[in-house]
Amino acid sequence: MKNTPVRVGLFGIGLDTYWPQFAGLKERLEGYLGEVSAKLDRPGASV
C-alpha cells in the first residue's frame, strides 16, 4: 500500500446572534477549533 497525503476539512459553526449575548463565546469556540486542528495536523496530513 502506498502512503498518500491525507487532506482533512474542518469547520466550526455558530449563530452570530449569540456572539453579543455571551462575552468571549466566539473566541472560545475558535480556540476549540484550533485545538482540534492542531491534533489532526501531522506529517502526511493537512488540515
PDB file of N, CA and C in Angstrom:
ATOM      1  N   MET A   1       0.843  -1.182   0.000  1.00  0.00           N
ATOM      2  CA  MET A   1       0.000   0.000   0.000  1.00  0.00           C
ATOM      3  C   MET A   1       0.888   1.246   0.000  1.00  0.00           C
ATOM      4  N   LYS A   2       0.543   2.194  -0.804  1.00  0.00           N
ATOM      5  CA  LYS A   2       1.298   3.439  -0.944  1.00  0.00           C
ATOM      6  C   LYS A   2       0.780   4.490   0.042  1.00  0.00           C
ATOM      7  N   ASN A   3       1.707   5.220   0.669  1.00  0.00           N
ATOM      8  CA  ASN A   3       1.307   6.307   1.569  1.00  0.00           C
ATOM      9  C   ASN A   3       0.935   7.526   0.740  1.00  0.00           C
ATOM     10  N   THR A   4      -0.311   7.906   0.793  1.00  0.00           N
ATOM     11  CA  THR A   4      -0.753   9.103   0.088  1.00  0.00           C
ATOM     12  C   THR A   4      -1.127  10.169   1.101  1.00  0.00           C
ATOM     13  N   PRO A   5      -0.863  11.420   0.784  1.00  0.00           N
ATOM     14  CA  PRO A   5      -1.214  12.510   1.707  1.00  0.00           C
ATOM     15  C   PRO A   5      -2.722  12.541   1.969  1.00  0.00           C
ATOM     16  N   VAL A   6      -3.059  12.891   3.175  1.00  0.00           N
ATOM     17  CA  VAL A   6      -4.461  12.987   3.587  1.00  0.00           C
ATOM     18  C   VAL A   6      -4.813  14.457   3.746  1.00  0.00           C
ATOM     19  N   ARG A   7      -5.954  14.834   3.227  1.00  0.00           N
ATOM     20  CA  ARG A   7      -6.448  16.206   3.412  1.00  0.00           C
ATOM     21  C   ARG A   7      -7.700  16.130   4.282  1.00  0.00           C
ATOM     22  N   VAL A   8      -7.700  16.892   5.343  1.00  0.00           N
ATOM     23  CA  VAL A   8      -8.812  16.892   6.295  1.00  0.00           C
ATOM     24  C   VAL A   8      -9.478  18.251   6.259  1.00  0.00           C
ATOM     25  N   GLY A   9     -10.785  18.260   6.075  1.00  0.00           N
ATOM     26  CA  GLY A   9     -11.552  19.501   6.129  1.00  0.00           C
ATOM     27  C   GLY A   9     -12.190  19.642   7.505  1.00  0.00           C
ATOM     28  N   LEU A  10     -12.102  20.804   8.080  1.00  0.00           N
ATOM     29  CA  LEU A  10     -12.632  21.049   9.418  1.00  0.00           C
ATOM     30  C   LEU A  10     -13.306  22.411   9.425  1.00  0.00           C
ATOM     31  N   PHE A  11     -14.485  22.469   9.970  1.00  0.00           N
ATOM     32  CA  PHE A  11     -15.138  23.763  10.078  1.00  0.00           C
ATOM     33  C   PHE A  11     -15.906  23.833  11.382  1.00  0.00           C
ATOM     34  N   GLY A  12     -16.078  25.035  11.846  1.00  0.00           N
ATOM     35  CA  GLY A  12     -16.876  25.299  13.035  1.00  0.00           C
ATOM     36  C   GLY A  12     -18.056  26.159  12.635  1.00  0.00           C
ATOM     37  N   ILE A  13     -19.125  26.001  13.347  1.00  0.00           N
ATOM     38  CA  ILE A  13     -20.320  26.761  13.015  1.00  0.00           C
ATOM     39  C   ILE A  13     -20.935  27.328  14.292  1.00  0.00           C
ATOM     40  N   GLY A  14     -21.442  28.513  14.192  1.00  0.00           N
ATOM     41  CA  GLY A  14     -22.103  29.157  15.313  1.00  0.00           C
ATOM     42  C   GLY A  14     -23.041  30.227  14.802  1.00  0.00           C
ATOM     43  N   LEU A  15     -24.036  30.527  15.576  1.00  0.00           N
ATOM     44  CA  LEU A  15     -25.028  31.537  15.199  1.00  0.00           C
ATOM     45  C   LEU A  15     -24.565  32.902  15.712  1.00  0.00           C
ATOM     46  N   ASP A  16     -24.361  33.830  14.779  1.00  0.00           N
ATOM     47  CA  ASP A  16     -23.816  35.142  15.161  1.00  0.00           C
ATOM     48  C   ASP A  16     -24.721  35.922  16.110  1.00  0.00           C
ATOM     49  N   THR A  17     -25.958  35.528  16.242  1.00  0.00           N
ATOM     50  CA  THR A  17     -26.875  36.190  17.184  1.00  0.00           C
ATOM     51  C   THR A  17     -26.375  36.044  18.618  1.00  0.00           C
ATOM     52  N   TYR A  18     -25.661  34.949  18.907  1.00  0.00           N
ATOM     53  CA  TYR A  18     -25.204  34.691  20.270  1.00  0.00           C
ATOM     54  C   TYR A  18     -23.932  35.436  20.646  1.00  0.00           C
ATOM     55  N   TRP A  19     -23.142  35.869  19.671  1.00  0.00           N
ATOM     56  CA  TRP A  19     -21.859  36.494  19.986  1.00  0.00           C
ATOM     57  C   TRP A  19     -22.013  37.677  20.943  1.00  0.00           C
ATOM     58  N   PRO A  20     -22.928  38.626  20.703  1.00  0.00           N
ATOM     59  CA  PRO A  20     -23.025  39.757  21.640  1.00  0.00           C
ATOM     60  C   PRO A  20     -23.627  39.363  23.002  1.00  0.00           C
ATOM     61  N   GLN A  21     -24.389  38.277  23.038  1.00  0.00           N
ATOM     62  CA  GLN A  21     -25.054  37.879  24.279  1.00  0.00           C
ATOM     63  C   GLN A  21     -24.095  37.236  25.279  1.00  0.00           C
ATOM     64  N   PHE A  22     -23.063  36.585  24.762  1.00  0.00           N
ATOM     65  CA  PHE A  22     -22.145  35.847  25.622  1.00  0.00           C
ATOM     66  C   PHE A  22     -20.717  36.294  25.327  1.00  0.00           C
ATOM     67  N   ALA A  23     -20.183  37.098  26.200  1.00  0.00           N
ATOM     68  CA  ALA A  23     -18.838  37.645  26.013  1.00  0.00           C
ATOM     69  C   ALA A  23     -17.809  36.524  25.910  1.00  0.00           C
ATOM     70  N   GLY A  24     -16.990  36.578  24.871  1.00  0.00           N
ATOM     71  CA  GLY A  24     -15.915  35.615  24.692  1.00  0.00           C
ATOM     72  C   GLY A  24     -16.322  34.299  24.056  1.00  0.00           C
ATOM     73  N   LEU A  25     -17.604  34.133  23.747  1.00  0.00           N
ATOM     74  CA  LEU A  25     -18.069  32.862  23.189  1.00  0.00           C
ATOM     75  C   LEU A  25     -17.425  32.553  21.847  1.00  0.00           C
ATOM     76  N   LYS A  26     -17.415  33.526  20.953  1.00  0.00           N
ATOM     77  CA  LYS A  26     -16.840  33.300  19.623  1.00  0.00           C
ATOM     78  C   LYS A  26     -15.362  32.925  19.727  1.00  0.00           C
ATOM     79  N   GLU A  27     -14.624  33.646  20.553  1.00  0.00           N
ATOM     80  CA  GLU A  27     -13.202  33.382  20.713  1.00  0.00           C
ATOM     81  C   GLU A  27     -12.977  32.001  21.329  1.00  0.00           C
ATOM     82  N   ARG A  28     -13.828  31.612  22.278  1.00  0.00           N
ATOM     83  CA  ARG A  28     -13.685  30.295  22.901  1.00  0.00           C
ATOM     84  C   ARG A  28     -13.930  29.184  21.880  1.00  0.00           C
ATOM     85  N   LEU A  29     -14.966  29.348  21.062  1.00  0.00           N
ATOM     86  CA  LEU A  29     -15.252  28.353  20.037  1.00  0.00           C
ATOM     87  C   LEU A  29     -14.137  28.278  18.995  1.00  0.00           C
ATOM     88  N   GLU A  30     -13.592  29.431  18.618  1.00  0.00           N
ATOM     89  CA  GLU A  30     -12.466  29.439  17.673  1.00  0.00           C
ATOM     90  C   GLU A  30     -11.250  28.757  18.294  1.00  0.00           C
ATOM     91  N   GLY A  31     -11.067  28.924  19.595  1.00  0.00           N
ATOM     92  CA  GLY A  31      -9.970  28.256  20.294  1.00  0.00           C
ATOM     93  C   GLY A  31     -10.139  26.748  20.278  1.00  0.00           C
ATOM     94  N   TYR A  32     -11.365  26.268  20.511  1.00  0.00           N
ATOM     95  CA  TYR A  32     -11.635  24.827  20.450  1.00  0.00           C
ATOM     96  C   TYR A  32     -11.327  24.288  19.067  1.00  0.00           C
ATOM     97  N   LEU A  33     -11.719  25.026  18.053  1.00  0.00           N
ATOM     98  CA  LEU A  33     -11.471  24.610  16.672  1.00  0.00           C
ATOM     99  C   LEU A  33      -9.966  24.542  16.405  1.00  0.00           C
ATOM    100  N   GLY A  34      -9.228  25.483  16.929  1.00  0.00           N
ATOM    101  CA  GLY A  34      -7.778  25.471  16.783  1.00  0.00           C
ATOM    102  C   GLY A  34      -7.143  24.263  17.468  1.00  0.00           C
ATOM    103  N   GLU A  35      -7.666  23.882  18.639  1.00  0.00           N
ATOM    104  CA  GLU A  35      -7.144  22.716  19.347  1.00  0.00           C
ATOM    105  C   GLU A  35      -7.376  21.433  18.550  1.00  0.00           C
ATOM    106  N   VAL A  36      -8.563  21.290  18.001  1.00  0.00           N
ATOM    107  CA  VAL A  36      -8.876  20.107  17.197  1.00  0.00           C
ATOM    108  C   VAL A  36      -7.997  20.075  15.954  1.00  0.00           C
ATOM    109  N   SER A  37      -7.832  21.228  15.324  1.00  0.00           N
ATOM    110  CA  SER A  37      -6.989  21.317  14.134  1.00  0.00           C
ATOM    111  C   SER A  37      -5.553  20.905  14.455  1.00  0.00           C
ATOM    112  N   ALA A  38      -5.025  21.352  15.570  1.00  0.00           N
ATOM    113  CA  ALA A  38      -3.656  21.015  15.957  1.00  0.00           C
ATOM    114  C   ALA A  38      -3.508  19.514  16.206  1.00  0.00           C
ATOM    115  N   LYS A  39      -4.538  18.875  16.756  1.00  0.00           N
ATOM    116  CA  LYS A  39      -4.481  17.441  16.999  1.00  0.00           C
ATOM    117  C   LYS A  39      -4.542  16.634  15.708  1.00  0.00           C
ATOM    118  N   LEU A  40      -5.207  17.152  14.711  1.00  0.00           N
ATOM    119  CA  LEU A  40      -5.328  16.453  13.433  1.00  0.00           C
ATOM    120  C   LEU A  40      -4.110  16.668  12.531  1.00  0.00           C
ATOM    121  N   ASP A  41      -3.411  17.783  12.731  1.00  0.00           N
ATOM    122  CA  ASP A  41      -2.276  18.135  11.872  1.00  0.00           C
ATOM    123  C   ASP A  41      -1.066  17.279  12.220  1.00  0.00           C
ATOM    124  N   ARG A  42      -0.583  16.530  11.248  1.00  0.00           N
ATOM    125  CA  ARG A  42       0.602  15.688  11.422  1.00  0.00           C
ATOM    126  C   ARG A  42       1.244  15.439  10.084  1.00  0.00           C
ATOM    127  N   PRO A  43       2.458  14.908  10.059  1.00  0.00           N
ATOM    128  CA  PRO A  43       3.108  14.624   8.778  1.00  0.00           C
ATOM    129  C   PRO A  43       2.231  13.697   7.918  1.00  0.00           C
ATOM    130  N   GLY A  44       2.079  14.068   6.669  1.00  0.00           N
ATOM    131  CA  GLY A  44       1.257  13.286   5.749  1.00  0.00           C
ATOM    132  C   GLY A  44      -0.197  13.691   5.745  1.00  0.00           C
ATOM    133  N   ALA A  45      -0.556  14.642   6.601  1.00  0.00           N
ATOM    134  CA  ALA A  45      -1.943  15.122   6.646  1.00  0.00           C
ATOM    135  C   ALA A  45      -1.943  16.635   6.666  1.00  0.00           C
ATOM    136  N   SER A  46      -2.877  17.234   5.962  1.00  0.00           N
ATOM    137  CA  SER A  46      -3.035  18.680   6.018  1.00  0.00           C
ATOM    138  C   SER A  46      -4.471  18.981   6.405  1.00  0.00           C
ATOM    139  N   VAL A  47      -4.616  19.972   7.262  1.00  0.00           N
ATOM    140  CA  VAL A  47      -5.946  20.357   7.755  1.00  0.00           C
ATOM    141  C   VAL A  47      -6.351  21.639   7.092  1.00  0.00           C
TER     142      VAL A  47
END
